[in-house]
């Protein structure tokens, strides 16, 4: 696998998103392959394009092509958002919601016995089930349209992430070791133990897994009639 983003580059992308700096985001995205950060940065690019920042429409077009080529779950929904930001006609029915997509992904991919939670449709806040247990249920009763239950879907998707990553490695000694590691019980622990011996591969796997998790969260949110709010005032 060809090395992609380094940690400084990823920090620059995240810093621009968290700091609501569209110009800095567009500059940061030139530091690595956009194919590895489509879900992470896609809403930000759409926000900059909706505002008409210089270079934003070109970056959005780059994202279109990369999303179509990749085709992960949630990529089609993000493609619609990006196309809408540059004036294409797309499905306008999804409700913008100020949601932390990473937190939503964590809730969705937890243990079905212990995890899950709820999403506050008025604020976009994701609340784990543990937090729910410490509260009374009066809010749900008084405002039934405010809360959306978030199920914990378990480890199947995470296992598929591992399989895909190994396939991307090709015919290598590391791939052989990882295929052996994921057979049987304890697959996740053994996979991480083997992968930890190769720092570059460790970083690449987590970027892949994070991207796919964000896409799954976006797809689930779309099924519930919502989408993440565009940063930088793109929905304003």
C-alpha atoms as a PDB file:
ATOM      1  CA  UNK A   1       0.000   0.000   0.000  1.00  0.00           C
ATOM      2  CA  UNK A   2       1.252   3.480  -0.847  1.00  0.00           C
ATOM      3  CA  UNK A   3       1.618   5.728   2.178  1.00  0.00           C
ATOM      4  CA  UNK A   4      -1.080   8.392   2.357  1.00  0.00           C
ATOM      5  CA  UNK A   5      -1.800  10.947   5.048  1.00  0.00           C
ATOM      6  CA  UNK A   6       0.645  11.649   7.839  1.00  0.00           C
ATOM      7  CA  UNK A   7      -0.535  12.688  11.289  1.00  0.00           C
ATOM      8  CA  UNK A   8       0.312  16.373  10.751  1.00  0.00           C
ATOM      9  CA  UNK A   9      -1.810  16.461   7.625  1.00  0.00           C
ATOM     10  CA  UNK A  10      -4.783  14.869   9.352  1.00  0.00           C
ATOM     11  CA  UNK A  11      -4.442  17.296  12.254  1.00  0.00           C
ATOM     12  CA  UNK A  12      -4.531  20.162   9.763  1.00  0.00           C
ATOM     13  CA  UNK A  13      -7.776  18.847   8.238  1.00  0.00           C
ATOM     14  CA  UNK A  14      -9.409  18.287  11.614  1.00  0.00           C
ATOM     15  CA  UNK A  15      -8.162  21.615  12.925  1.00  0.00           C
ATOM     16  CA  UNK A  16      -9.692  23.466   9.976  1.00  0.00           C
ATOM     17  CA  UNK A  17     -13.007  21.686  10.477  1.00  0.00           C
ATOM     18  CA  UNK A  18     -13.119  22.314  14.214  1.00  0.00           C
ATOM     19  CA  UNK A  19     -11.950  25.896  13.775  1.00  0.00           C
ATOM     20  CA  UNK A  20     -14.580  26.586  11.089  1.00  0.00           C
ATOM     21  CA  UNK A  21     -11.880  27.774   8.664  1.00  0.00           C
ATOM     22  CA  UNK A  22     -12.921  26.878   5.133  1.00  0.00           C
ATOM     23  CA  UNK A  23      -9.835  28.324   3.456  1.00  0.00           C
ATOM     24  CA  UNK A  24      -7.567  26.345   5.778  1.00  0.00           C
ATOM     25  CA  UNK A  25      -9.542  23.171   5.011  1.00  0.00           C
ATOM     26  CA  UNK A  26      -9.086  23.535   1.264  1.00  0.00           C
ATOM     27  CA  UNK A  27      -5.367  24.109   1.781  1.00  0.00           C
ATOM     28  CA  UNK A  28      -5.047  21.145   4.153  1.00  0.00           C
ATOM     29  CA  UNK A  29      -6.732  18.786   1.697  1.00  0.00           C
ATOM     30  CA  UNK A  30      -3.799  19.240  -0.689  1.00  0.00           C
ATOM     31  CA  UNK A  31      -1.519  17.461   1.782  1.00  0.00           C
ATOM     32  CA  UNK A  32      -2.757  13.921   1.106  1.00  0.00           C
ATOM     33  CA  UNK A  33      -5.049  11.765  -1.063  1.00  0.00           C
ATOM     34  CA  UNK A  34      -8.649  12.934  -0.719  1.00  0.00           C
ATOM     35  CA  UNK A  35      -9.802   9.338  -1.254  1.00  0.00           C
ATOM     36  CA  UNK A  36      -8.844   8.613   2.364  1.00  0.00           C
ATOM     37  CA  UNK A  37     -10.758  11.529   3.945  1.00  0.00           C
ATOM     38  CA  UNK A  38     -13.917  11.824   1.868  1.00  0.00           C
ATOM     39  CA  UNK A  39     -16.377  11.239   4.711  1.00  0.00           C
ATOM     40  CA  UNK A  40     -14.239  13.129   7.212  1.00  0.00           C
ATOM     41  CA  UNK A  41     -13.988  16.288   5.103  1.00  0.00           C
ATOM     42  CA  UNK A  42     -16.917  15.984   2.678  1.00  0.00           C
ATOM     43  CA  UNK A  43     -19.403  18.142   4.564  1.00  0.00           C
ATOM     44  CA  UNK A  44     -16.700  20.760   5.043  1.00  0.00           C
ATOM     45  CA  UNK A  45     -15.966  20.834   1.312  1.00  0.00           C
ATOM     46  CA  UNK A  46     -19.705  21.124   0.605  1.00  0.00           C
ATOM     47  CA  UNK A  47     -19.893  24.036   3.046  1.00  0.00           C
ATOM     48  CA  UNK A  48     -17.037  25.875   1.346  1.00  0.00           C
ATOM     49  CA  UNK A  49     -18.584  25.243  -2.086  1.00  0.00           C
ATOM     50  CA  UNK A  50     -21.981  26.522  -0.965  1.00  0.00           C
ATOM     51  CA  UNK A  51     -20.262  29.720   0.165  1.00  0.00           C
ATOM     52  CA  UNK A  52     -18.403  30.034  -3.121  1.00  0.00           C
ATOM     53  CA  UNK A  53     -14.890  30.065  -1.651  1.00  0.00           C
ATOM     54  CA  UNK A  54     -12.118  30.101  -4.295  1.00  0.00           C
ATOM     55  CA  UNK A  55     -11.131  26.573  -5.266  1.00  0.00           C
ATOM     56  CA  UNK A  56     -14.058  24.967  -3.443  1.00  0.00           C
ATOM     57  CA  UNK A  57     -16.028  23.944  -6.534  1.00  0.00           C
ATOM     58  CA  UNK A  58     -12.923  22.296  -8.003  1.00  0.00           C
ATOM     59  CA  UNK A  59     -12.318  20.421  -4.755  1.00  0.00           C
ATOM     60  CA  UNK A  60     -15.968  19.331  -4.690  1.00  0.00           C
ATOM     61  CA  UNK A  61     -15.581  17.958  -8.221  1.00  0.00           C
ATOM     62  CA  UNK A  62     -12.522  15.999  -7.073  1.00  0.00           C
ATOM     63  CA  UNK A  63     -14.634  14.549  -4.271  1.00  0.00           C
ATOM     64  CA  UNK A  64     -17.405  13.584  -6.754  1.00  0.00           C
ATOM     65  CA  UNK A  65     -15.030  11.448  -8.757  1.00  0.00           C
ATOM     66  CA  UNK A  66     -13.396   9.843  -5.727  1.00  0.00           C
ATOM     67  CA  UNK A  67     -16.754   8.993  -4.134  1.00  0.00           C
ATOM     68  CA  UNK A  68     -18.054   7.367  -7.303  1.00  0.00           C
ATOM     69  CA  UNK A  69     -14.898   5.322  -7.697  1.00  0.00           C
ATOM     70  CA  UNK A  70     -14.880   4.175  -4.066  1.00  0.00           C
ATOM     71  CA  UNK A  71     -18.547   3.379  -3.473  1.00  0.00           C
ATOM     72  CA  UNK A  72     -18.553   2.726   0.277  1.00  0.00           C
ATOM     73  CA  UNK A  73     -21.841   2.827   2.166  1.00  0.00           C
ATOM     74  CA  UNK A  74     -22.753   6.474   2.757  1.00  0.00           C
ATOM     75  CA  UNK A  75     -20.716   7.734  -0.209  1.00  0.00           C
ATOM     76  CA  UNK A  76     -23.805   8.149  -2.399  1.00  0.00           C
ATOM     77  CA  UNK A  77     -25.474  10.286   0.273  1.00  0.00           C
ATOM     78  CA  UNK A  78     -22.371  12.459   0.588  1.00  0.00           C
ATOM     79  CA  UNK A  79     -22.174  12.794  -3.194  1.00  0.00           C
ATOM     80  CA  UNK A  80     -25.719  14.202  -3.159  1.00  0.00           C
ATOM     81  CA  UNK A  81     -24.754  16.753  -0.524  1.00  0.00           C
ATOM     82  CA  UNK A  82     -21.693  17.870  -2.476  1.00  0.00           C
ATOM     83  CA  UNK A  83     -23.618  18.143  -5.741  1.00  0.00           C
ATOM     84  CA  UNK A  84     -26.293  20.176  -4.033  1.00  0.00           C
ATOM     85  CA  UNK A  85     -23.651  22.573  -2.736  1.00  0.00           C
ATOM     86  CA  UNK A  86     -22.592  23.479  -6.282  1.00  0.00           C
ATOM     87  CA  UNK A  87     -26.104  23.840  -7.657  1.00  0.00           C
ATOM     88  CA  UNK A  88     -27.028  20.384  -8.904  1.00  0.00           C
ATOM     89  CA  UNK A  89     -30.595  19.213  -8.294  1.00  0.00           C
ATOM     90  CA  UNK A  90     -30.610  16.601  -5.514  1.00  0.00           C
ATOM     91  CA  UNK A  91     -33.078  15.212  -2.998  1.00  0.00           C
ATOM     92  CA  UNK A  92     -33.824  18.202  -0.732  1.00  0.00           C
ATOM     93  CA  UNK A  93     -35.867  16.318   1.848  1.00  0.00           C
ATOM     94  CA  UNK A  94     -33.132  15.433   4.350  1.00  0.00           C
ATOM     95  CA  UNK A  95     -33.197  17.557   7.473  1.00  0.00           C
ATOM     96  CA  UNK A  96     -29.875  19.274   8.331  1.00  0.00           C
ATOM     97  CA  UNK A  97     -28.777  18.339  11.840  1.00  0.00           C
ATOM     98  CA  UNK A  98     -25.785  19.561  13.835  1.00  0.00           C
ATOM     99  CA  UNK A  99     -24.618  16.058  14.688  1.00  0.00           C
ATOM    100  CA  UNK A 100     -21.145  14.721  15.522  1.00  0.00           C
ATOM    101  CA  UNK A 101     -20.934  11.973  12.913  1.00  0.00           C
ATOM    102  CA  UNK A 102     -17.977  10.342  14.672  1.00  0.00           C
ATOM    103  CA  UNK A 103     -19.908  10.058  17.933  1.00  0.00           C
ATOM    104  CA  UNK A 104     -22.927   8.678  16.087  1.00  0.00           C
ATOM    105  CA  UNK A 105     -20.709   6.068  14.431  1.00  0.00           C
ATOM    106  CA  UNK A 106     -19.421   4.996  17.856  1.00  0.00           C
ATOM    107  CA  UNK A 107     -22.971   4.504  19.152  1.00  0.00           C
ATOM    108  CA  UNK A 108     -24.033   2.536  16.090  1.00  0.00           C
ATOM    109  CA  UNK A 109     -21.082   0.171  16.139  1.00  0.00           C
ATOM    110  CA  UNK A 110     -21.075  -0.730  19.807  1.00  0.00           C
ATOM    111  CA  UNK A 111     -22.041  -3.961  21.538  1.00  0.00           C
ATOM    112  CA  UNK A 112     -25.818  -4.522  21.114  1.00  0.00           C
ATOM    113  CA  UNK A 113     -26.037  -5.670  24.748  1.00  0.00           C
ATOM    114  CA  UNK A 114     -24.304  -2.660  26.306  1.00  0.00           C
ATOM    115  CA  UNK A 115     -24.314   0.192  23.777  1.00  0.00           C
ATOM    116  CA  UNK A 116     -26.567   2.300  21.588  1.00  0.00           C
ATOM    117  CA  UNK A 117     -28.200   5.473  22.795  1.00  0.00           C
ATOM    118  CA  UNK A 118     -30.272   8.312  21.437  1.00  0.00           C
ATOM    119  CA  UNK A 119     -29.957  11.359  19.222  1.00  0.00           C
ATOM    120  CA  UNK A 120     -31.424  14.715  20.231  1.00  0.00           C
ATOM    121  CA  UNK A 121     -33.102  15.998  17.075  1.00  0.00           C
ATOM    122  CA  UNK A 122     -33.256  19.530  18.476  1.00  0.00           C
ATOM    123  CA  UNK A 123     -29.519  19.876  19.171  1.00  0.00           C
ATOM    124  CA  UNK A 124     -27.837  16.994  17.344  1.00  0.00           C
ATOM    125  CA  UNK A 125     -26.313  15.711  20.581  1.00  0.00           C
ATOM    126  CA  UNK A 126     -25.569  11.987  20.746  1.00  0.00           C
ATOM    127  CA  UNK A 127     -26.157  10.435  24.167  1.00  0.00           C
ATOM    128  CA  UNK A 128     -24.860   6.945  25.024  1.00  0.00           C
ATOM    129  CA  UNK A 129     -27.250   4.507  26.629  1.00  0.00           C
ATOM    130  CA  UNK A 130     -25.296   4.686  29.899  1.00  0.00           C
ATOM    131  CA  UNK A 131     -26.084   8.395  30.148  1.00  0.00           C
ATOM    132  CA  UNK A 132     -29.734   7.650  29.449  1.00  0.00           C
ATOM    133  CA  UNK A 133     -29.876   5.270  32.408  1.00  0.00           C
ATOM    134  CA  UNK A 134     -28.928   8.094  34.759  1.00  0.00           C
ATOM    135  CA  UNK A 135     -31.862  10.233  33.644  1.00  0.00           C
ATOM    136  CA  UNK A 136     -35.614   9.963  34.000  1.00  0.00           C
ATOM    137  CA  UNK A 137     -37.761   9.355  30.971  1.00  0.00           C
ATOM    138  CA  UNK A 138     -39.864  12.490  31.263  1.00  0.00           C
ATOM    139  CA  UNK A 139     -38.213  14.214  28.282  1.00  0.00           C
ATOM    140  CA  UNK A 140     -39.115  11.417  25.897  1.00  0.00           C
ATOM    141  CA  UNK A 141     -42.668  11.360  27.197  1.00  0.00           C
ATOM    142  CA  UNK A 142     -43.107  15.125  26.955  1.00  0.00           C
ATOM    143  CA  UNK A 143     -41.362  15.523  23.586  1.00  0.00           C
ATOM    144  CA  UNK A 144     -41.622  12.233  21.652  1.00  0.00           C
ATOM    145  CA  UNK A 145     -40.550  13.899  18.386  1.00  0.00           C
ATOM    146  CA  UNK A 146     -37.328  15.203  19.909  1.00  0.00           C
ATOM    147  CA  UNK A 147     -35.487  11.907  20.394  1.00  0.00           C
ATOM    148  CA  UNK A 148     -34.285   9.310  17.913  1.00  0.00           C
ATOM    149  CA  UNK A 149     -33.205   5.940  19.261  1.00  0.00           C
ATOM    150  CA  UNK A 150     -29.758   4.858  18.046  1.00  0.00           C
ATOM    151  CA  UNK A 151     -29.316   1.066  17.916  1.00  0.00           C
ATOM    152  CA  UNK A 152     -26.000  -0.656  18.518  1.00  0.00           C
ATOM    153  CA  UNK A 153     -25.461  -2.834  15.456  1.00  0.00           C
ATOM    154  CA  UNK A 154     -22.523  -4.892  16.669  1.00  0.00           C
ATOM    155  CA  UNK A 155     -19.210  -5.949  15.167  1.00  0.00           C
ATOM    156  CA  UNK A 156     -20.150  -7.331  11.743  1.00  0.00           C
ATOM    157  CA  UNK A 157     -19.254  -4.108   9.910  1.00  0.00           C
ATOM    158  CA  UNK A 158     -15.987  -3.831  11.801  1.00  0.00           C
ATOM    159  CA  UNK A 159     -15.065  -7.364  10.770  1.00  0.00           C
ATOM    160  CA  UNK A 160     -15.766  -6.477   7.144  1.00  0.00           C
ATOM    161  CA  UNK A 161     -13.446  -3.468   7.523  1.00  0.00           C
ATOM    162  CA  UNK A 162     -10.659  -5.832   8.554  1.00  0.00           C
ATOM    163  CA  UNK A 163     -11.324  -8.141   5.602  1.00  0.00           C
ATOM    164  CA  UNK A 164     -11.314  -5.240   3.138  1.00  0.00           C
ATOM    165  CA  UNK A 165      -8.081  -3.865   4.558  1.00  0.00           C
ATOM    166  CA  UNK A 166      -6.354  -7.224   4.211  1.00  0.00           C
ATOM    167  CA  UNK A 167      -7.547  -7.518   0.611  1.00  0.00           C
ATOM    168  CA  UNK A 168      -6.069  -4.062  -0.078  1.00  0.00           C
ATOM    169  CA  UNK A 169      -2.694  -5.208   1.230  1.00  0.00           C
ATOM    170  CA  UNK A 170      -2.452  -7.797  -1.535  1.00  0.00           C
ATOM    171  CA  UNK A 171      -0.147 -10.787  -1.398  1.00  0.00           C
ATOM    172  CA  UNK A 172       2.165  -9.854   1.476  1.00  0.00           C
ATOM    173  CA  UNK A 173       3.444 -11.463   4.638  1.00  0.00           C
ATOM    174  CA  UNK A 174       1.424  -8.986   6.707  1.00  0.00           C
ATOM    175  CA  UNK A 175      -1.763  -9.932   4.853  1.00  0.00           C
ATOM    176  CA  UNK A 176      -1.107 -13.627   5.458  1.00  0.00           C
ATOM    177  CA  UNK A 177      -0.633 -12.988   9.170  1.00  0.00           C
ATOM    178  CA  UNK A 178      -3.813 -10.915   9.380  1.00  0.00           C
ATOM    179  CA  UNK A 179      -5.913 -13.512   7.543  1.00  0.00           C
ATOM    180  CA  UNK A 180      -4.781 -16.060  10.103  1.00  0.00           C
ATOM    181  CA  UNK A 181      -5.483 -13.628  12.956  1.00  0.00           C
ATOM    182  CA  UNK A 182      -9.139 -13.023  12.086  1.00  0.00           C
ATOM    183  CA  UNK A 183     -10.159 -16.674  12.030  1.00  0.00           C
ATOM    184  CA  UNK A 184     -12.271 -17.735  14.993  1.00  0.00           C
ATOM    185  CA  UNK A 185     -13.016 -16.143  18.339  1.00  0.00           C
ATOM    186  CA  UNK A 186     -10.885 -13.231  19.467  1.00  0.00           C
ATOM    187  CA  UNK A 187     -10.389 -12.040  15.875  1.00  0.00           C
ATOM    188  CA  UNK A 188     -10.395  -8.326  16.690  1.00  0.00           C
ATOM    189  CA  UNK A 189      -7.778  -8.629  19.440  1.00  0.00           C
ATOM    190  CA  UNK A 190      -5.483 -10.825  17.358  1.00  0.00           C
ATOM    191  CA  UNK A 191      -5.864  -8.548  14.330  1.00  0.00           C
ATOM    192  CA  UNK A 192      -4.809  -5.528  16.395  1.00  0.00           C
ATOM    193  CA  UNK A 193      -1.894  -7.414  17.923  1.00  0.00           C
ATOM    194  CA  UNK A 194      -0.514  -8.343  14.500  1.00  0.00           C
ATOM    195  CA  UNK A 195      -1.197  -4.936  12.954  1.00  0.00           C
ATOM    196  CA  UNK A 196       0.494  -3.108  15.842  1.00  0.00           C
ATOM    197  CA  UNK A 197       3.854  -4.431  14.587  1.00  0.00           C
ATOM    198  CA  UNK A 198       3.590  -2.193  11.496  1.00  0.00           C
ATOM    199  CA  UNK A 199       2.963   1.474  12.354  1.00  0.00           C
ATOM    200  CA  UNK A 200       2.197   2.562   8.787  1.00  0.00           C
ATOM    201  CA  UNK A 201      -0.308  -0.220   8.262  1.00  0.00           C
ATOM    202  CA  UNK A 202      -1.852   0.537  11.665  1.00  0.00           C
ATOM    203  CA  UNK A 203      -2.484   4.158  10.638  1.00  0.00           C
ATOM    204  CA  UNK A 204      -3.845   3.174   7.237  1.00  0.00           C
ATOM    205  CA  UNK A 205      -6.269   0.659   8.728  1.00  0.00           C
ATOM    206  CA  UNK A 206      -7.657   3.172  11.194  1.00  0.00           C
ATOM    207  CA  UNK A 207      -8.150   5.759   8.476  1.00  0.00           C
ATOM    208  CA  UNK A 208     -10.035   3.175   6.414  1.00  0.00           C
ATOM    209  CA  UNK A 209     -12.107   2.012   9.376  1.00  0.00           C
ATOM    210  CA  UNK A 210     -12.912   5.578  10.443  1.00  0.00           C
ATOM    211  CA  UNK A 211     -14.003   6.534   6.916  1.00  0.00           C
ATOM    212  CA  UNK A 212     -16.253   3.508   6.593  1.00  0.00           C
ATOM    213  CA  UNK A 213     -17.736   4.100  10.035  1.00  0.00           C
ATOM    214  CA  UNK A 214     -18.560   7.707   9.168  1.00  0.00           C
ATOM    215  CA  UNK A 215     -20.166   6.568   5.929  1.00  0.00           C
ATOM    216  CA  UNK A 216     -22.299   3.995   7.710  1.00  0.00           C
ATOM    217  CA  UNK A 217     -23.415   6.633  10.208  1.00  0.00           C
ATOM    218  CA  UNK A 218     -24.280   9.019   7.367  1.00  0.00           C
ATOM    219  CA  UNK A 219     -26.293   6.326   5.568  1.00  0.00           C
ATOM    220  CA  UNK A 220     -28.176   5.436   8.759  1.00  0.00           C
ATOM    221  CA  UNK A 221     -28.919   9.110   9.386  1.00  0.00           C
ATOM    222  CA  UNK A 222     -30.263   9.499   5.833  1.00  0.00           C
ATOM    223  CA  UNK A 223     -32.552   6.522   6.394  1.00  0.00           C
ATOM    224  CA  UNK A 224     -33.947   8.457   9.357  1.00  0.00           C
ATOM    225  CA  UNK A 225     -34.510  11.544   7.181  1.00  0.00           C
ATOM    226  CA  UNK A 226     -31.521  13.611   8.313  1.00  0.00           C
ATOM    227  CA  UNK A 227     -28.033  14.647   7.241  1.00  0.00           C
ATOM    228  CA  UNK A 228     -25.143  16.444   8.959  1.00  0.00           C
ATOM    229  CA  UNK A 229     -25.333  20.243   8.947  1.00  0.00           C
ATOM    230  CA  UNK A 230     -22.826  21.869   6.585  1.00  0.00           C
ATOM    231  CA  UNK A 231     -20.046  23.695   8.445  1.00  0.00           C
ATOM    232  CA  UNK A 232     -18.833  27.221   7.680  1.00  0.00           C
ATOM    233  CA  UNK A 233     -22.415  28.460   7.313  1.00  0.00           C
ATOM    234  CA  UNK A 234     -23.034  26.406   4.175  1.00  0.00           C
ATOM    235  CA  UNK A 235     -26.605  25.680   5.306  1.00  0.00           C
ATOM    236  CA  UNK A 236     -27.196  29.257   6.398  1.00  0.00           C
END
